[in-house]
Amino acid sequence: MSATFQPARGPDDLRPIVRCTCPDDAPLTCPACLLALNVNERDAAALLEHIGLNPAPSGAIEAYRLTTLCKLRLAMYDAEGDIPAQARGRVVVGGRAAGKLRACTAQLLTIARAAGDGWVGWS
């Protein structure tokens, strides 16, 4: 399972503002895909906590508020270590590379700025 952060229509309508128009031979190249961040559920919850929000499986926030939260978090210097993957029998629980939350926060800031006076939603 994963969560996608992208500009949304509003707090009660999480549909993206722009639909994907990528050609088959060039996936993830259209404006809609460039303004979307897709991460697994664990990383989505960690990212929301990282910027100071409650981790919810879906939600929306005003873009100006998200911009402020991301800027504040990026201004803080805190070394983020990696989380190694763990094997539990035949199941491997994925880890997280050092610096991934910071990189995701920077990408989320780009999405929030692009949303302008609108909303950013995730689900």
Protein backbone atom coordinates (compact mmCIF):
# COMPACT_ATOMS: atom_id res chain seq x y z
CA MET A 1 0.00 0.00 0.00
CA SER A 2 1.11 3.55 -0.61
CA ALA A 3 0.05 7.16 -0.18
CA THR A 4 0.22 9.89 -2.81
CA PHE A 5 0.60 13.56 -1.88
CA GLN A 6 -0.61 15.99 -4.57
CA PRO A 7 -2.51 19.25 -5.08
CA ALA A 8 -6.17 18.52 -4.30
CA ARG A 9 -9.53 20.16 -4.88
CA GLY A 10 -10.24 20.68 -1.17
CA PRO A 11 -10.48 19.06 2.25
CA ASP A 12 -13.54 17.02 1.30
CA ASP A 13 -12.47 16.21 -2.26
CA LEU A 14 -9.03 14.61 -2.48
CA ARG A 15 -9.15 14.11 -6.24
CA PRO A 16 -6.09 15.64 -7.91
CA ILE A 17 -6.50 18.97 -9.66
CA VAL A 18 -4.62 17.74 -12.73
CA ARG A 19 -4.94 14.27 -14.26
CA CYS A 20 -2.02 12.23 -15.58
CA THR A 21 -1.40 12.70 -19.29
CA CYS A 22 1.84 10.70 -19.60
CA PRO A 23 2.37 8.92 -22.92
CA ASP A 24 2.87 5.16 -22.69
CA ASP A 25 6.52 5.44 -23.71
CA ALA A 26 7.37 8.13 -21.11
CA PRO A 27 5.72 7.40 -17.75
CA LEU A 28 5.94 9.91 -14.89
CA THR A 29 6.76 12.88 -17.13
CA CYS A 30 3.53 14.90 -17.23
CA PRO A 31 2.86 17.93 -14.96
CA ALA A 32 0.49 15.92 -12.76
CA CYS A 33 3.07 13.21 -12.08
CA LEU A 34 5.85 15.72 -11.46
CA LEU A 35 3.68 17.30 -8.75
CA ALA A 36 2.97 14.07 -6.92
CA LEU A 37 4.89 12.24 -4.21
CA ASN A 38 4.13 8.55 -3.80
CA VAL A 39 5.58 6.75 -0.77
CA ASN A 40 4.71 3.61 1.14
CA GLU A 41 2.33 3.92 4.10
CA ARG A 42 5.07 3.67 6.73
CA ASP A 43 7.08 6.45 5.10
CA ALA A 44 3.93 8.56 4.65
CA ALA A 45 3.16 8.31 8.38
CA ALA A 46 6.80 9.08 9.23
CA LEU A 47 6.79 12.07 6.84
CA LEU A 48 3.62 13.52 8.38
CA GLU A 49 5.09 13.14 11.88
CA HIS A 50 8.41 14.57 10.63
CA ILE A 51 6.72 17.84 9.62
CA GLY A 52 4.53 18.00 12.72
CA LEU A 53 1.21 16.54 11.58
CA ASN A 54 -0.72 13.58 12.92
CA PRO A 55 -0.16 10.54 10.69
CA ALA A 56 -3.47 9.79 9.00
CA PRO A 57 -3.98 7.41 6.08
CA SER A 58 -5.67 10.20 4.13
CA GLY A 59 -6.29 13.89 4.59
CA ALA A 60 -5.75 17.39 3.28
CA ILE A 61 -4.10 20.58 4.46
CA GLU A 62 -4.08 24.13 3.13
CA ALA A 63 -1.05 24.56 0.90
CA TYR A 64 0.15 27.73 2.67
CA ARG A 65 0.15 25.88 6.01
CA LEU A 66 2.02 22.92 4.55
CA THR A 67 4.56 25.29 3.00
CA THR A 68 5.26 26.78 6.43
CA LEU A 69 5.61 23.38 8.10
CA CYS A 70 7.98 22.09 5.41
CA LYS A 71 10.13 25.25 5.50
CA LEU A 72 10.42 25.05 9.29
CA ARG A 73 11.40 21.39 9.17
CA LEU A 74 13.95 21.92 6.41
CA ALA A 75 15.47 24.83 8.35
CA MET A 76 16.19 22.53 11.30
CA TYR A 77 19.39 20.58 10.97
CA ASP A 78 19.02 17.10 12.31
CA ALA A 79 20.93 14.18 10.94
CA GLU A 80 18.49 11.47 9.97
CA GLY A 81 19.96 8.00 10.18
CA ASP A 82 18.98 5.08 8.06
CA ILE A 83 16.62 2.36 9.21
CA PRO A 84 17.88 -1.04 8.08
CA ALA A 85 15.51 -3.58 6.58
CA GLN A 86 14.55 -6.42 8.89
CA ALA A 87 13.87 -10.01 7.95
CA ARG A 88 11.05 -11.70 9.86
CA GLY A 89 11.00 -15.22 8.57
CA ARG A 90 10.15 -15.01 4.87
CA VAL A 91 8.91 -11.42 5.16
CA VAL A 92 11.28 -8.47 4.75
CA VAL A 93 10.15 -5.25 6.42
CA GLY A 94 11.61 -2.42 4.40
CA GLY A 95 13.92 0.13 5.92
CA ARG A 96 14.52 3.76 4.99
CA ALA A 97 17.67 5.32 3.59
CA ALA A 98 19.33 8.14 5.50
CA GLY A 99 18.03 11.52 4.34
CA LYS A 100 14.85 10.18 2.71
CA LEU A 101 12.47 12.14 4.98
CA ARG A 102 14.38 15.34 4.25
CA ALA A 103 14.20 14.69 0.49
CA CYS A 104 10.48 13.92 0.72
CA THR A 105 9.93 17.09 2.77
CA ALA A 106 11.66 19.13 0.04
CA GLN A 107 9.47 17.51 -2.63
CA LEU A 108 6.37 18.12 -0.51
CA LEU A 109 7.37 21.80 -0.27
CA THR A 110 7.50 21.97 -4.09
CA ILE A 111 4.02 20.43 -4.28
CA ALA A 112 2.66 22.86 -1.67
CA ARG A 113 4.12 25.87 -3.50
CA ALA A 114 2.59 24.68 -6.77
CA ALA A 115 -0.82 24.34 -5.08
CA GLY A 116 -0.70 28.05 -4.24
CA ASP A 117 -3.83 29.11 -2.34
CA GLY A 118 -5.33 25.63 -2.69
CA TRP A 119 -4.97 22.36 -0.83
CA VAL A 120 -2.60 19.40 -0.76
CA GLY A 121 -4.22 16.04 -0.15
CA TRP A 122 -2.97 12.52 0.41
CA SER A 123 -4.59 9.15 0.25
